[in-house]
Amino acid sequence: TDHIHDGMGVATQHISLSNEFELAMQAVDSTVALPYWDPTVDGSAMQHNHGDRSYASIVHSELFSDKWFGASSDETGNHVVSGHWANETVGKESSTGVQIMQGMILDRWNFTVAISPFGYLRAPWNINPSPYVTRYHKNCGE
């Protein structure tokens, strides 16, 4: 779920997931490493190209461009309509899906499945009614 993006655990949760993913890749091929994003590279590019190194200027980074994550707009309800994530749907609560998730992952740590008010596998406070993966081009209205 996108529950991981909410709250104070976001950094440690991303680090932990990235570490587990890299270890899994290396179990198959010990010569590979998980690529990572170095925000200082984008910060320098923002300063050079836009004269601004502030956090808000990061939206101009190539990493956050349509090239990487696909295009979305207000007209499409902000769901991604191109690229790898085009028209991808978010999982919805179902007894089978929840049981599989609980059996494979969640029971290990006595977690419960987070469900949005619309029944999607999103944070409980996520009020996005769209069944699609969404990408917003604004942050706090800007």
N, C-alpha and C. Protein backbone atom coordinates (compact mmCIF):
# COMPACT_ATOMS: atom_id res chain seq x y z
N THR A 1 0.84 -1.19 0.00
CA THR A 1 0.00 0.00 0.00
C THR A 1 0.87 1.24 0.00
N ASP A 2 0.27 2.38 -0.24
CA ASP A 2 1.04 3.62 -0.16
C ASP A 2 1.12 4.12 1.28
N HIS A 3 0.70 3.30 2.21
CA HIS A 3 0.76 3.63 3.64
C HIS A 3 2.19 3.97 4.06
N ILE A 4 3.17 3.38 3.37
CA ILE A 4 4.57 3.60 3.71
C ILE A 4 4.99 5.06 3.50
N HIS A 5 4.30 5.79 2.65
CA HIS A 5 4.68 7.17 2.37
C HIS A 5 4.15 8.17 3.39
N ASP A 6 3.39 7.71 4.32
CA ASP A 6 2.82 8.61 5.31
C ASP A 6 3.46 8.36 6.67
N GLY A 7 3.85 9.42 7.31
CA GLY A 7 4.36 9.29 8.67
C GLY A 7 5.87 9.42 8.76
N MET A 8 6.33 9.30 9.99
CA MET A 8 7.74 9.54 10.27
C MET A 8 8.64 8.38 9.86
N GLY A 9 8.09 7.24 9.51
CA GLY A 9 8.91 6.10 9.14
C GLY A 9 9.32 6.05 7.69
N VAL A 10 8.94 7.06 6.90
CA VAL A 10 9.16 6.98 5.46
C VAL A 10 10.62 6.72 5.10
N ALA A 11 11.55 7.40 5.71
CA ALA A 11 12.97 7.22 5.35
C ALA A 11 13.44 5.82 5.71
N THR A 12 13.19 5.40 6.93
CA THR A 12 13.67 4.08 7.34
C THR A 12 12.95 2.96 6.61
N GLN A 13 11.67 3.16 6.30
CA GLN A 13 10.95 2.13 5.56
C GLN A 13 11.49 2.00 4.14
N HIS A 14 11.76 3.12 3.47
CA HIS A 14 12.33 3.07 2.13
C HIS A 14 13.72 2.43 2.15
N ILE A 15 14.52 2.79 3.13
CA ILE A 15 15.86 2.22 3.24
C ILE A 15 15.77 0.72 3.45
N SER A 16 14.89 0.29 4.33
CA SER A 16 14.73 -1.13 4.61
C SER A 16 14.26 -1.90 3.38
N LEU A 17 13.24 -1.38 2.69
CA LEU A 17 12.74 -2.04 1.49
C LEU A 17 13.80 -2.09 0.41
N SER A 18 14.52 -0.99 0.23
CA SER A 18 15.59 -0.95 -0.78
C SER A 18 16.67 -1.96 -0.45
N ASN A 19 17.03 -2.06 0.81
CA ASN A 19 18.06 -3.01 1.23
C ASN A 19 17.60 -4.45 0.97
N GLU A 20 16.36 -4.77 1.32
CA GLU A 20 15.84 -6.12 1.08
C GLU A 20 15.80 -6.43 -0.41
N PHE A 21 15.39 -5.45 -1.22
CA PHE A 21 15.31 -5.64 -2.67
C PHE A 21 16.70 -5.88 -3.25
N GLU A 22 17.67 -5.09 -2.82
CA GLU A 22 19.04 -5.25 -3.31
C GLU A 22 19.59 -6.63 -2.92
N LEU A 23 19.35 -7.06 -1.70
CA LEU A 23 19.81 -8.38 -1.27
C LEU A 23 19.16 -9.49 -2.10
N ALA A 24 17.89 -9.33 -2.44
CA ALA A 24 17.21 -10.32 -3.27
C ALA A 24 17.82 -10.36 -4.67
N MET A 25 18.11 -9.18 -5.24
CA MET A 25 18.76 -9.13 -6.56
C MET A 25 20.13 -9.80 -6.51
N GLN A 26 20.88 -9.54 -5.44
CA GLN A 26 22.23 -10.09 -5.32
C GLN A 26 22.21 -11.59 -5.05
N ALA A 27 21.10 -12.11 -4.57
CA ALA A 27 20.98 -13.56 -4.41
C ALA A 27 20.97 -14.24 -5.77
N VAL A 28 20.51 -13.52 -6.79
CA VAL A 28 20.47 -14.03 -8.16
C VAL A 28 21.78 -13.72 -8.88
N ASP A 29 22.28 -12.49 -8.71
CA ASP A 29 23.52 -12.06 -9.36
C ASP A 29 24.27 -11.15 -8.40
N SER A 30 25.35 -11.65 -7.84
CA SER A 30 26.08 -10.91 -6.81
C SER A 30 26.81 -9.68 -7.34
N THR A 31 26.83 -9.49 -8.66
CA THR A 31 27.55 -8.34 -9.23
C THR A 31 26.67 -7.11 -9.40
N VAL A 32 25.38 -7.22 -9.11
CA VAL A 32 24.49 -6.08 -9.32
C VAL A 32 24.28 -5.29 -8.04
N ALA A 33 23.89 -4.06 -8.20
CA ALA A 33 23.55 -3.20 -7.07
C ALA A 33 22.31 -2.40 -7.44
N LEU A 34 21.54 -2.04 -6.45
CA LEU A 34 20.34 -1.26 -6.67
C LEU A 34 20.72 0.19 -6.93
N PRO A 35 20.30 0.75 -8.06
CA PRO A 35 20.60 2.17 -8.29
C PRO A 35 19.87 3.03 -7.27
N TYR A 36 20.42 4.16 -6.96
CA TYR A 36 19.77 5.05 -6.01
C TYR A 36 19.77 6.47 -6.56
N TRP A 37 18.89 7.27 -6.02
CA TRP A 37 18.78 8.66 -6.44
C TRP A 37 19.63 9.51 -5.52
N ASP A 38 20.52 10.26 -6.11
CA ASP A 38 21.36 11.19 -5.35
C ASP A 38 20.76 12.58 -5.54
N PRO A 39 20.03 13.09 -4.55
CA PRO A 39 19.36 14.38 -4.71
C PRO A 39 20.32 15.55 -4.89
N THR A 40 21.58 15.38 -4.53
CA THR A 40 22.53 16.48 -4.71
C THR A 40 22.80 16.73 -6.19
N VAL A 41 22.72 15.68 -7.01
CA VAL A 41 22.91 15.84 -8.46
C VAL A 41 21.78 16.70 -9.02
N ASP A 42 20.54 16.38 -8.65
CA ASP A 42 19.41 17.18 -9.12
C ASP A 42 19.45 18.58 -8.55
N GLY A 43 19.89 18.73 -7.31
CA GLY A 43 20.00 20.06 -6.71
C GLY A 43 20.94 20.95 -7.49
N SER A 44 22.07 20.40 -7.91
CA SER A 44 23.02 21.17 -8.71
C SER A 44 22.44 21.51 -10.07
N ALA A 45 21.74 20.55 -10.68
CA ALA A 45 21.12 20.81 -11.99
C ALA A 45 20.04 21.88 -11.88
N MET A 46 19.28 21.86 -10.79
CA MET A 46 18.23 22.87 -10.60
C MET A 46 18.85 24.26 -10.45
N GLN A 47 19.95 24.32 -9.73
CA GLN A 47 20.64 25.60 -9.55
C GLN A 47 21.15 26.10 -10.90
N HIS A 48 21.74 25.21 -11.68
CA HIS A 48 22.32 25.59 -12.97
C HIS A 48 21.24 25.95 -13.99
N ASN A 49 20.19 25.14 -14.09
CA ASN A 49 19.18 25.33 -15.14
C ASN A 49 18.06 26.30 -14.77
N HIS A 50 17.77 26.42 -13.49
CA HIS A 50 16.63 27.24 -13.08
C HIS A 50 16.99 28.32 -12.07
N GLY A 51 18.25 28.36 -11.66
CA GLY A 51 18.68 29.37 -10.70
C GLY A 51 18.08 29.16 -9.32
N ASP A 52 17.61 27.96 -9.07
CA ASP A 52 16.94 27.68 -7.80
C ASP A 52 17.32 26.29 -7.32
N ARG A 53 17.78 26.20 -6.11
CA ARG A 53 18.17 24.91 -5.55
C ARG A 53 17.20 24.49 -4.44
N SER A 54 16.10 25.17 -4.31
CA SER A 54 15.16 24.88 -3.24
C SER A 54 14.43 23.57 -3.49
N TYR A 55 13.82 23.06 -2.45
CA TYR A 55 13.06 21.82 -2.54
C TYR A 55 11.96 21.93 -3.59
N ALA A 56 11.31 23.07 -3.68
CA ALA A 56 10.20 23.25 -4.62
C ALA A 56 10.64 23.09 -6.07
N SER A 57 11.90 23.38 -6.37
CA SER A 57 12.37 23.30 -7.75
C SER A 57 12.58 21.86 -8.22
N ILE A 58 12.50 20.91 -7.31
CA ILE A 58 12.75 19.52 -7.67
C ILE A 58 11.74 19.00 -8.70
N VAL A 59 10.59 19.66 -8.81
CA VAL A 59 9.61 19.23 -9.80
C VAL A 59 10.14 19.36 -11.22
N HIS A 60 11.20 20.13 -11.41
CA HIS A 60 11.80 20.29 -12.73
C HIS A 60 12.84 19.21 -13.03
N SER A 61 13.10 18.34 -12.08
CA SER A 61 14.09 17.28 -12.26
C SER A 61 13.62 16.29 -13.33
N GLU A 62 14.57 15.77 -14.09
CA GLU A 62 14.24 14.75 -15.09
C GLU A 62 13.62 13.52 -14.43
N LEU A 63 14.06 13.23 -13.21
CA LEU A 63 13.54 12.07 -12.50
C LEU A 63 12.03 12.14 -12.32
N PHE A 64 11.49 13.32 -12.15
CA PHE A 64 10.06 13.48 -11.95
C PHE A 64 9.32 13.86 -13.23
N SER A 65 9.96 13.66 -14.36
CA SER A 65 9.35 13.99 -15.64
C SER A 65 8.44 12.87 -16.13
N ASP A 66 7.67 13.17 -17.16
CA ASP A 66 6.80 12.17 -17.76
C ASP A 66 7.61 10.99 -18.30
N LYS A 67 8.86 11.26 -18.69
CA LYS A 67 9.73 10.21 -19.23
C LYS A 67 9.88 9.05 -18.24
N TRP A 68 9.99 9.35 -16.97
CA TRP A 68 10.22 8.31 -15.97
C TRP A 68 8.93 7.73 -15.41
N PHE A 69 7.95 8.56 -15.15
CA PHE A 69 6.76 8.09 -14.44
C PHE A 69 5.48 8.15 -15.27
N GLY A 70 5.56 8.63 -16.51
CA GLY A 70 4.37 8.73 -17.34
C GLY A 70 3.63 10.03 -17.12
N ALA A 71 2.79 10.37 -18.07
CA ALA A 71 2.07 11.64 -18.04
C ALA A 71 0.73 11.48 -17.32
N SER A 72 0.33 12.57 -16.68
CA SER A 72 -0.99 12.66 -16.08
C SER A 72 -1.40 14.12 -16.12
N SER A 73 -2.68 14.37 -15.93
CA SER A 73 -3.15 15.75 -15.93
C SER A 73 -4.48 15.82 -15.20
N ASP A 74 -4.93 17.05 -14.96
CA ASP A 74 -6.24 17.23 -14.33
C ASP A 74 -7.33 16.59 -15.19
N GLU A 75 -7.18 16.69 -16.52
CA GLU A 75 -8.20 16.17 -17.45
C GLU A 75 -8.35 14.65 -17.35
N THR A 76 -7.29 13.95 -16.97
CA THR A 76 -7.35 12.49 -16.86
C THR A 76 -7.67 12.04 -15.44
N GLY A 77 -8.01 12.97 -14.58
CA GLY A 77 -8.21 12.62 -13.18
C GLY A 77 -6.90 12.30 -12.50
N ASN A 78 -5.81 12.78 -13.09
CA ASN A 78 -4.45 12.59 -12.58
C ASN A 78 -3.97 11.14 -12.62
N HIS A 79 -4.69 10.28 -13.33
CA HIS A 79 -4.14 8.93 -13.43
C HIS A 79 -3.15 8.88 -14.59
N VAL A 80 -2.16 8.03 -14.44
CA VAL A 80 -1.06 7.95 -15.39
C VAL A 80 -1.57 7.33 -16.69
N VAL A 81 -1.33 8.01 -17.82
CA VAL A 81 -1.86 7.56 -19.10
C VAL A 81 -0.79 7.18 -20.12
N SER A 82 0.48 7.26 -19.74
CA SER A 82 1.55 6.84 -20.66
C SER A 82 2.69 6.23 -19.86
N GLY A 83 3.56 5.53 -20.55
CA GLY A 83 4.73 4.95 -19.89
C GLY A 83 4.42 3.63 -19.20
N HIS A 84 5.36 3.19 -18.37
CA HIS A 84 5.26 1.89 -17.70
C HIS A 84 4.03 1.75 -16.81
N TRP A 85 3.57 2.85 -16.24
CA TRP A 85 2.47 2.79 -15.27
C TRP A 85 1.12 3.19 -15.88
N ALA A 86 1.05 3.28 -17.20
CA ALA A 86 -0.18 3.72 -17.86
C ALA A 86 -1.35 2.81 -17.50
N ASN A 87 -2.43 3.44 -17.05
CA ASN A 87 -3.69 2.76 -16.75
C ASN A 87 -3.55 1.61 -15.75
N GLU A 88 -2.50 1.64 -14.95
CA GLU A 88 -2.30 0.62 -13.91
C GLU A 88 -3.31 0.88 -12.78
N THR A 89 -3.95 -0.17 -12.33
CA THR A 89 -4.93 0.00 -11.26
C THR A 89 -4.33 -0.36 -9.90
N VAL A 90 -4.92 0.21 -8.88
CA VAL A 90 -4.51 -0.05 -7.50
C VAL A 90 -5.32 -1.24 -7.01
N GLY A 91 -4.68 -2.10 -6.24
CA GLY A 91 -5.38 -3.26 -5.70
C GLY A 91 -6.56 -2.84 -4.83
N LYS A 92 -7.57 -3.67 -4.83
CA LYS A 92 -8.76 -3.38 -4.04
C LYS A 92 -8.92 -4.49 -3.01
N GLU A 93 -9.51 -4.13 -1.89
CA GLU A 93 -9.71 -5.11 -0.82
C GLU A 93 -10.54 -6.28 -1.34
N SER A 94 -10.05 -7.46 -1.11
CA SER A 94 -10.82 -8.67 -1.39
C SER A 94 -10.38 -9.70 -0.37
N SER A 95 -11.24 -10.58 -0.01
CA SER A 95 -10.86 -11.54 1.02
C SER A 95 -9.66 -12.37 0.57
N THR A 96 -9.61 -12.74 -0.70
CA THR A 96 -8.49 -13.53 -1.20
C THR A 96 -7.20 -12.73 -1.18
N GLY A 97 -7.24 -11.52 -1.72
CA GLY A 97 -6.04 -10.68 -1.77
C GLY A 97 -5.49 -10.37 -0.39
N VAL A 98 -6.37 -10.04 0.53
CA VAL A 98 -5.94 -9.71 1.89
C VAL A 98 -5.37 -10.95 2.56
N GLN A 99 -6.00 -12.10 2.37
CA GLN A 99 -5.49 -13.33 2.98
C GLN A 99 -4.11 -13.68 2.43
N ILE A 100 -3.92 -13.52 1.13
CA ILE A 100 -2.61 -13.80 0.54
C ILE A 100 -1.57 -12.86 1.11
N MET A 101 -1.88 -11.57 1.15
CA MET A 101 -0.93 -10.60 1.69
C MET A 101 -0.62 -10.89 3.14
N GLN A 102 -1.64 -11.19 3.93
CA GLN A 102 -1.41 -11.45 5.35
C GLN A 102 -0.58 -12.71 5.54
N GLY A 103 -0.85 -13.73 4.74
CA GLY A 103 -0.11 -14.97 4.87
C GLY A 103 1.35 -14.84 4.45
N MET A 104 1.61 -14.05 3.42
CA MET A 104 2.96 -13.93 2.90
C MET A 104 3.81 -12.93 3.66
N ILE A 105 3.23 -11.80 4.02
CA ILE A 105 4.04 -10.71 4.54
C ILE A 105 3.60 -10.26 5.92
N LEU A 106 2.35 -9.94 6.03
CA LEU A 106 1.89 -9.17 7.18
C LEU A 106 1.85 -9.96 8.48
N ASP A 107 1.55 -11.25 8.43
CA ASP A 107 1.48 -12.02 9.67
C ASP A 107 2.82 -12.12 10.37
N ARG A 108 3.90 -12.00 9.61
CA ARG A 108 5.24 -12.07 10.22
C ARG A 108 5.41 -11.02 11.29
N TRP A 109 4.81 -9.86 11.08
CA TRP A 109 4.98 -8.74 12.02
C TRP A 109 3.67 -8.35 12.69
N ASN A 110 2.66 -9.19 12.56
CA ASN A 110 1.34 -8.90 13.12
C ASN A 110 0.76 -7.59 12.61
N PHE A 111 0.99 -7.30 11.35
CA PHE A 111 0.44 -6.10 10.72
C PHE A 111 -0.99 -6.39 10.28
N THR A 112 -1.72 -5.33 10.06
CA THR A 112 -3.03 -5.45 9.43
C THR A 112 -2.95 -4.76 8.07
N VAL A 113 -3.87 -5.08 7.21
CA VAL A 113 -3.88 -4.48 5.88
C VAL A 113 -4.53 -3.11 5.96
N ALA A 114 -3.87 -2.12 5.38
CA ALA A 114 -4.42 -0.76 5.36
C ALA A 114 -5.31 -0.61 4.14
N ILE A 115 -6.51 -0.14 4.36
CA ILE A 115 -7.49 0.02 3.29
C ILE A 115 -8.00 1.45 3.32
N SER A 116 -8.11 2.06 2.13
CA SER A 116 -8.65 3.42 2.04
C SER A 116 -10.17 3.38 2.23
N PRO A 117 -10.80 4.55 2.41
CA PRO A 117 -12.26 4.58 2.53
C PRO A 117 -12.98 4.03 1.29
N PHE A 118 -12.26 3.95 0.17
CA PHE A 118 -12.85 3.45 -1.07
C PHE A 118 -12.51 1.98 -1.31
N GLY A 119 -11.86 1.34 -0.33
CA GLY A 119 -11.55 -0.08 -0.43
C GLY A 119 -10.26 -0.41 -1.16
N TYR A 120 -9.47 0.61 -1.51
CA TYR A 120 -8.20 0.36 -2.21
C TYR A 120 -7.07 0.12 -1.22
N LEU A 121 -6.05 -0.57 -1.67
CA LEU A 121 -4.88 -0.83 -0.83
C LEU A 121 -4.03 0.42 -0.77
N ARG A 122 -4.55 1.40 -0.08
CA ARG A 122 -3.91 2.69 0.15
C ARG A 122 -4.04 3.01 1.64
N ALA A 123 -3.40 4.07 2.06
CA ALA A 123 -3.48 4.47 3.46
C ALA A 123 -4.95 4.73 3.84
N PRO A 124 -5.33 4.43 5.07
CA PRO A 124 -6.71 4.63 5.51
C PRO A 124 -7.19 6.07 5.35
N TRP A 125 -6.30 7.04 5.40
CA TRP A 125 -6.68 8.45 5.27
C TRP A 125 -6.56 8.96 3.84
N ASN A 126 -6.24 8.09 2.89
CA ASN A 126 -6.12 8.49 1.49
C ASN A 126 -7.52 8.58 0.90
N ILE A 127 -7.94 9.78 0.51
CA ILE A 127 -9.30 9.98 0.01
C ILE A 127 -9.36 10.02 -1.52
N ASN A 128 -8.38 9.45 -2.18
CA ASN A 128 -8.37 9.37 -3.63
C ASN A 128 -9.33 8.27 -4.07
N PRO A 129 -10.43 8.62 -4.78
CA PRO A 129 -11.40 7.61 -5.18
C PRO A 129 -11.03 6.86 -6.46
N SER A 130 -9.95 7.27 -7.12
CA SER A 130 -9.59 6.69 -8.41
C SER A 130 -9.06 5.26 -8.27
N PRO A 131 -9.47 4.39 -9.18
CA PRO A 131 -8.93 3.03 -9.16
C PRO A 131 -7.54 2.95 -9.80
N TYR A 132 -7.08 4.06 -10.37
CA TYR A 132 -5.81 4.07 -11.09
C TYR A 132 -4.66 4.61 -10.26
N VAL A 133 -3.44 4.19 -10.63
CA VAL A 133 -2.25 4.81 -10.07
C VAL A 133 -2.28 6.27 -10.51
N THR A 134 -2.14 7.17 -9.58
CA THR A 134 -2.23 8.60 -9.90
C THR A 134 -0.89 9.28 -9.68
N ARG A 135 -0.73 10.36 -10.41
CA ARG A 135 0.49 11.17 -10.31
C ARG A 135 0.07 12.62 -10.37
N TYR A 136 0.39 13.35 -9.33
CA TYR A 136 -0.02 14.75 -9.26
C TYR A 136 1.13 15.66 -9.63
N HIS A 137 0.83 16.65 -10.44
CA HIS A 137 1.85 17.59 -10.89
C HIS A 137 1.92 18.81 -9.98
N LYS A 138 1.19 18.77 -8.89
CA LYS A 138 1.19 19.89 -7.95
C LYS A 138 1.41 19.35 -6.54
N ASN A 139 1.98 20.17 -5.69
CA ASN A 139 2.16 19.83 -4.29
C ASN A 139 1.57 20.96 -3.46
N CYS A 140 0.56 20.66 -2.68
CA CYS A 140 -0.12 21.68 -1.87
C CYS A 140 -0.63 22.83 -2.73
N GLY A 141 -1.15 22.51 -3.92
CA GLY A 141 -1.74 23.51 -4.80
C GLY A 141 -0.78 24.26 -5.68
N GLU A 142 0.51 24.00 -5.57
CA GLU A 142 1.48 24.73 -6.40
C GLU A 142 2.01 23.86 -7.50
